[in-house]
Structure formats: C-alpha cells, structure tokens
Amino acid sequence: TGSFTYPWVNGWQPRWFVLENGVISYYDTEDDVGKGSKGSIKMSVCDIKGCAHVSGILR
C-alpha cells in the first residue's frame, strides 16, 4: 500500500511512498515501484521528533 505526498525536492514534487516491513521507500510514481526505489529509510532507526507547520504545509 502506498500514498502520494509532496516533499521538498528542489521544489514541491509529487513522490509515491510505500511503507513495508518497517521500511519506507519512495519513488517518482506508483508505476516506478517495480523499477526500484529512489531511496528508503528503516523506520526502527528513526528518531521522529515532530514537524513544523508552514503556510498550511507540513514539512
């Protein structure tokens, strides 16, 4: 299962994120999932403190 979000990547760019087995991976589009991710993060090693709310957009 995945979801689109708009992270800051030289401007707000749509990215497809997938959380699977404790790893969040991202892709340019949902169709790119079979081609390999552009990056991934193992959530068990993350220390998430919170986020800033700027102009109606969460960063």
PDB file of N, CA and C in Angstrom:
ATOM      1  N   THR A   1       0.847  -1.178   0.000  1.00  0.00           N
ATOM      2  CA  THR A   1       0.000   0.000   0.000  1.00  0.00           C
ATOM      3  C   THR A   1       0.890   1.237   0.000  1.00  0.00           C
ATOM      4  N   GLY A   2       0.524   2.220  -0.773  1.00  0.00           N
ATOM      5  CA  GLY A   2       1.330   3.427  -0.851  1.00  0.00           C
ATOM      6  C   GLY A   2       0.463   4.670  -0.883  1.00  0.00           C
ATOM      7  N   SER A   3       1.136   5.810  -0.941  1.00  0.00           N
ATOM      8  CA  SER A   3       0.438   7.091  -0.933  1.00  0.00           C
ATOM      9  C   SER A   3       1.316   8.159  -1.572  1.00  0.00           C
ATOM     10  N   PHE A   4       0.675   9.110  -2.255  1.00  0.00           N
ATOM     11  CA  PHE A   4       1.414  10.253  -2.785  1.00  0.00           C
ATOM     12  C   PHE A   4       1.576  11.300  -1.705  1.00  0.00           C
ATOM     13  N   THR A   5       2.708  11.965  -1.695  1.00  0.00           N
ATOM     14  CA  THR A   5       2.936  13.136  -0.864  1.00  0.00           C
ATOM     15  C   THR A   5       3.821  14.083  -1.659  1.00  0.00           C
ATOM     16  N   TYR A   6       3.992  15.297  -1.192  1.00  0.00           N
ATOM     17  CA  TYR A   6       4.761  16.313  -1.904  1.00  0.00           C
ATOM     18  C   TYR A   6       5.906  16.822  -1.038  1.00  0.00           C
ATOM     19  N   PRO A   7       7.015  16.067  -0.974  1.00  0.00           N
ATOM     20  CA  PRO A   7       8.165  16.541  -0.194  1.00  0.00           C
ATOM     21  C   PRO A   7       8.916  17.629  -0.957  1.00  0.00           C
ATOM     22  N   TRP A   8       9.738  18.360  -0.237  1.00  0.00           N
ATOM     23  CA  TRP A   8      10.554  19.396  -0.869  1.00  0.00           C
ATOM     24  C   TRP A   8      11.766  18.739  -1.527  1.00  0.00           C
ATOM     25  N   VAL A   9      11.813  18.764  -2.861  1.00  0.00           N
ATOM     26  CA  VAL A   9      12.931  18.227  -3.636  1.00  0.00           C
ATOM     27  C   VAL A   9      13.191  19.240  -4.748  1.00  0.00           C
ATOM     28  N   ASN A  10      13.958  20.276  -4.452  1.00  0.00           N
ATOM     29  CA  ASN A  10      14.149  21.375  -5.408  1.00  0.00           C
ATOM     30  C   ASN A  10      12.799  21.919  -5.865  1.00  0.00           C
ATOM     31  N   GLY A  11      11.905  22.091  -4.935  1.00  0.00           N
ATOM     32  CA  GLY A  11      10.526  22.489  -5.188  1.00  0.00           C
ATOM     33  C   GLY A  11       9.623  21.358  -4.732  1.00  0.00           C
ATOM     34  N   TRP A  12       8.347  21.631  -4.585  1.00  0.00           N
ATOM     35  CA  TRP A  12       7.418  20.588  -4.133  1.00  0.00           C
ATOM     36  C   TRP A  12       7.166  19.637  -5.280  1.00  0.00           C
ATOM     37  N   GLN A  13       7.577  18.391  -5.125  1.00  0.00           N
ATOM     38  CA  GLN A  13       7.457  17.371  -6.158  1.00  0.00           C
ATOM     39  C   GLN A  13       6.628  16.199  -5.645  1.00  0.00           C
ATOM     40  N   PRO A  14       5.700  15.686  -6.454  1.00  0.00           N
ATOM     41  CA  PRO A  14       4.947  14.510  -6.006  1.00  0.00           C
ATOM     42  C   PRO A  14       5.864  13.287  -5.956  1.00  0.00           C
ATOM     43  N   ARG A  15       5.737  12.504  -4.914  1.00  0.00           N
ATOM     44  CA  ARG A  15       6.503  11.266  -4.762  1.00  0.00           C
ATOM     45  C   ARG A  15       5.567  10.189  -4.222  1.00  0.00           C
ATOM     46  N   TRP A  16       5.772   8.960  -4.642  1.00  0.00           N
ATOM     47  CA  TRP A  16       4.991   7.816  -4.174  1.00  0.00           C
ATOM     48  C   TRP A  16       5.768   7.142  -3.051  1.00  0.00           C
ATOM     49  N   PHE A  17       5.156   7.054  -1.865  1.00  0.00           N
ATOM     50  CA  PHE A  17       5.795   6.445  -0.701  1.00  0.00           C
ATOM     51  C   PHE A  17       5.123   5.128  -0.369  1.00  0.00           C
ATOM     52  N   VAL A  18       5.938   4.137  -0.007  1.00  0.00           N
ATOM     53  CA  VAL A  18       5.439   2.820   0.382  1.00  0.00           C
ATOM     54  C   VAL A  18       6.080   2.435   1.711  1.00  0.00           C
ATOM     55  N   LEU A  19       5.258   2.024   2.675  1.00  0.00           N
ATOM     56  CA  LEU A  19       5.753   1.516   3.959  1.00  0.00           C
ATOM     57  C   LEU A  19       5.513   0.017   3.973  1.00  0.00           C
ATOM     58  N   GLU A  20       6.600  -0.740   4.049  1.00  0.00           N
ATOM     59  CA  GLU A  20       6.507  -2.193   4.015  1.00  0.00           C
ATOM     60  C   GLU A  20       7.586  -2.796   4.898  1.00  0.00           C
ATOM     61  N   ASN A  21       7.169  -3.671   5.802  1.00  0.00           N
ATOM     62  CA  ASN A  21       8.106  -4.349   6.707  1.00  0.00           C
ATOM     63  C   ASN A  21       9.001  -3.375   7.471  1.00  0.00           C
ATOM     64  N   GLY A  22       8.440  -2.243   7.891  1.00  0.00           N
ATOM     65  CA  GLY A  22       9.186  -1.278   8.686  1.00  0.00           C
ATOM     66  C   GLY A  22      10.144  -0.406   7.905  1.00  0.00           C
ATOM     67  N   VAL A  23      10.067  -0.439   6.574  1.00  0.00           N
ATOM     68  CA  VAL A  23      10.929   0.386   5.720  1.00  0.00           C
ATOM     69  C   VAL A  23      10.037   1.262   4.853  1.00  0.00           C
ATOM     70  N   ILE A  24      10.292   2.584   4.867  1.00  0.00           N
ATOM     71  CA  ILE A  24       9.556   3.489   3.984  1.00  0.00           C
ATOM     72  C   ILE A  24      10.454   3.792   2.789  1.00  0.00           C
ATOM     73  N   SER A  25       9.918   3.563   1.596  1.00  0.00           N
ATOM     74  CA  SER A  25      10.663   3.777   0.351  1.00  0.00           C
ATOM     75  C   SER A  25       9.907   4.783  -0.495  1.00  0.00           C
ATOM     76  N   TYR A  26      10.641   5.509  -1.356  1.00  0.00           N
ATOM     77  CA  TYR A  26       9.945   6.469  -2.211  1.00  0.00           C
ATOM     78  C   TYR A  26      10.347   6.322  -3.666  1.00  0.00           C
ATOM     79  N   TYR A  27       9.405   6.708  -4.514  1.00  0.00           N
ATOM     80  CA  TYR A  27       9.508   6.562  -5.966  1.00  0.00           C
ATOM     81  C   TYR A  27       8.944   7.815  -6.617  1.00  0.00           C
ATOM     82  N   ASP A  28       9.275   8.043  -7.881  1.00  0.00           N
ATOM     83  CA  ASP A  28       8.687   9.180  -8.599  1.00  0.00           C
ATOM     84  C   ASP A  28       7.188   8.981  -8.784  1.00  0.00           C
ATOM     85  N   THR A  29       6.777   7.771  -9.162  1.00  0.00           N
ATOM     86  CA  THR A  29       5.363   7.460  -9.382  1.00  0.00           C
ATOM     87  C   THR A  29       5.069   6.053  -8.872  1.00  0.00           C
ATOM     88  N   GLU A  30       3.801   5.740  -8.756  1.00  0.00           N
ATOM     89  CA  GLU A  30       3.390   4.394  -8.346  1.00  0.00           C
ATOM     90  C   GLU A  30       3.887   3.352  -9.347  1.00  0.00           C
ATOM     91  N   ASP A  31       3.926   3.707 -10.626  1.00  0.00           N
ATOM     92  CA  ASP A  31       4.388   2.781 -11.671  1.00  0.00           C
ATOM     93  C   ASP A  31       5.860   2.426 -11.541  1.00  0.00           C
ATOM     94  N   ASP A  32       6.642   3.248 -10.837  1.00  0.00           N
ATOM     95  CA  ASP A  32       8.086   3.012 -10.693  1.00  0.00           C
ATOM     96  C   ASP A  32       8.430   2.007  -9.601  1.00  0.00           C
ATOM     97  N   VAL A  33       7.441   1.536  -8.839  1.00  0.00           N
ATOM     98  CA  VAL A  33       7.711   0.638  -7.717  1.00  0.00           C
ATOM     99  C   VAL A  33       8.481  -0.602  -8.187  1.00  0.00           C
ATOM    100  N   GLY A  34       8.150  -1.168  -9.330  1.00  0.00           N
ATOM    101  CA  GLY A  34       8.835  -2.346  -9.848  1.00  0.00           C
ATOM    102  C   GLY A  34      10.251  -2.082 -10.330  1.00  0.00           C
ATOM    103  N   LYS A  35      10.617  -0.817 -10.496  1.00  0.00           N
ATOM    104  CA  LYS A  35      11.944  -0.450 -11.003  1.00  0.00           C
ATOM    105  C   LYS A  35      12.967  -0.218  -9.902  1.00  0.00           C
ATOM    106  N   GLY A  36      12.521  -0.200  -8.642  1.00  0.00           N
ATOM    107  CA  GLY A  36      13.431   0.079  -7.527  1.00  0.00           C
ATOM    108  C   GLY A  36      13.216   1.483  -6.995  1.00  0.00           C
ATOM    109  N   SER A  37      13.444   1.639  -5.708  1.00  0.00           N
ATOM    110  CA  SER A  37      13.173   2.921  -5.058  1.00  0.00           C
ATOM    111  C   SER A  37      14.271   3.940  -5.320  1.00  0.00           C
ATOM    112  N   LYS A  38      13.917   5.208  -5.167  1.00  0.00           N
ATOM    113  CA  LYS A  38      14.896   6.294  -5.247  1.00  0.00           C
ATOM    114  C   LYS A  38      15.614   6.461  -3.912  1.00  0.00           C
ATOM    115  N   GLY A  39      15.020   5.897  -2.849  1.00  0.00           N
ATOM    116  CA  GLY A  39      15.614   5.956  -1.520  1.00  0.00           C
ATOM    117  C   GLY A  39      14.715   5.247  -0.529  1.00  0.00           C
ATOM    118  N   SER A  40      15.266   4.907   0.622  1.00  0.00           N
ATOM    119  CA  SER A  40      14.474   4.242   1.648  1.00  0.00           C
ATOM    120  C   SER A  40      15.066   4.520   3.023  1.00  0.00           C
ATOM    121  N   ILE A  41      14.222   4.369   4.047  1.00  0.00           N
ATOM    122  CA  ILE A  41      14.637   4.595   5.431  1.00  0.00           C
ATOM    123  C   ILE A  41      14.056   3.478   6.282  1.00  0.00           C
ATOM    124  N   LYS A  42      14.897   2.849   7.085  1.00  0.00           N
ATOM    125  CA  LYS A  42      14.431   1.841   8.032  1.00  0.00           C
ATOM    126  C   LYS A  42      13.863   2.587   9.231  1.00  0.00           C
ATOM    127  N   MET A  43      12.558   2.456   9.453  1.00  0.00           N
ATOM    128  CA  MET A  43      11.880   3.250  10.469  1.00  0.00           C
ATOM    129  C   MET A  43      12.362   2.952  11.889  1.00  0.00           C
ATOM    130  N   SER A  44      12.880   1.766  12.151  1.00  0.00           N
ATOM    131  CA  SER A  44      13.321   1.422  13.505  1.00  0.00           C
ATOM    132  C   SER A  44      14.550   2.222  13.944  1.00  0.00           C
ATOM    133  N   VAL A  45      15.268   2.835  13.002  1.00  0.00           N
ATOM    134  CA  VAL A  45      16.440   3.626  13.370  1.00  0.00           C
ATOM    135  C   VAL A  45      16.138   5.130  13.367  1.00  0.00           C
ATOM    136  N   CYS A  46      14.874   5.497  13.079  1.00  0.00           N
ATOM    137  CA  CYS A  46      14.485   6.909  13.041  1.00  0.00           C
ATOM    138  C   CYS A  46      14.134   7.418  14.424  1.00  0.00           C
ATOM    139  N   ASP A  47      14.417   8.686  14.646  1.00  0.00           N
ATOM    140  CA  ASP A  47      14.028   9.382  15.864  1.00  0.00           C
ATOM    141  C   ASP A  47      13.170  10.560  15.430  1.00  0.00           C
ATOM    142  N   ILE A  48      11.864  10.346  15.376  1.00  0.00           N
ATOM    143  CA  ILE A  48      10.946  11.355  14.864  1.00  0.00           C
ATOM    144  C   ILE A  48      10.486  12.248  16.008  1.00  0.00           C
ATOM    145  N   LYS A  49      10.827  13.523  15.926  1.00  0.00           N
ATOM    146  CA  LYS A  49      10.544  14.476  16.995  1.00  0.00           C
ATOM    147  C   LYS A  49       9.272  15.262  16.767  1.00  0.00           C
ATOM    148  N   GLY A  50       8.898  15.496  15.515  1.00  0.00           N
ATOM    149  CA  GLY A  50       7.735  16.316  15.191  1.00  0.00           C
ATOM    150  C   GLY A  50       7.965  17.008  13.881  1.00  0.00           C
ATOM    151  N   CYS A  51       7.074  17.894  13.536  1.00  0.00           N
ATOM    152  CA  CYS A  51       7.233  18.589  12.259  1.00  0.00           C
ATOM    153  C   CYS A  51       6.768  20.029  12.413  1.00  0.00           C
ATOM    154  N   ALA A  52       7.205  20.857  11.489  1.00  0.00           N
ATOM    155  CA  ALA A  52       6.841  22.268  11.510  1.00  0.00           C
ATOM    156  C   ALA A  52       5.690  22.496  10.531  1.00  0.00           C
ATOM    157  N   HIS A  53       4.773  23.322  10.904  1.00  0.00           N
ATOM    158  CA  HIS A  53       3.645  23.664  10.059  1.00  0.00           C
ATOM    159  C   HIS A  53       3.932  25.032   9.434  1.00  0.00           C
ATOM    160  N   VAL A  54       4.115  25.034   8.105  1.00  0.00           N
ATOM    161  CA  VAL A  54       4.481  26.270   7.415  1.00  0.00           C
ATOM    162  C   VAL A  54       3.506  26.524   6.284  1.00  0.00           C
ATOM    163  N   SER A  55       2.796  27.629   6.334  1.00  0.00           N
ATOM    164  CA  SER A  55       1.877  28.042   5.269  1.00  0.00           C
ATOM    165  C   SER A  55       0.913  26.942   4.860  1.00  0.00           C
ATOM    166  N   GLY A  56       0.375  26.209   5.825  1.00  0.00           N
ATOM    167  CA  GLY A  56      -0.588  25.168   5.520  1.00  0.00           C
ATOM    168  C   GLY A  56       0.027  23.872   5.038  1.00  0.00           C
ATOM    169  N   ILE A  57       1.346  23.796   5.016  1.00  0.00           N
ATOM    170  CA  ILE A  57       2.043  22.613   4.525  1.00  0.00           C
ATOM    171  C   ILE A  57       2.905  22.041   5.639  1.00  0.00           C
ATOM    172  N   LEU A  58       2.834  20.759   5.838  1.00  0.00           N
ATOM    173  CA  LEU A  58       3.690  20.124   6.842  1.00  0.00           C
ATOM    174  C   LEU A  58       5.039  19.803   6.226  1.00  0.00           C
ATOM    175  N   ARG A  59       6.105  20.117   6.945  1.00  0.00           N
ATOM    176  CA  ARG A  59       7.459  19.774   6.497  1.00  0.00           C
ATOM    177  C   ARG A  59       8.057  18.784   7.452  1.00  0.00           C
TER     178      ARG A  59
END
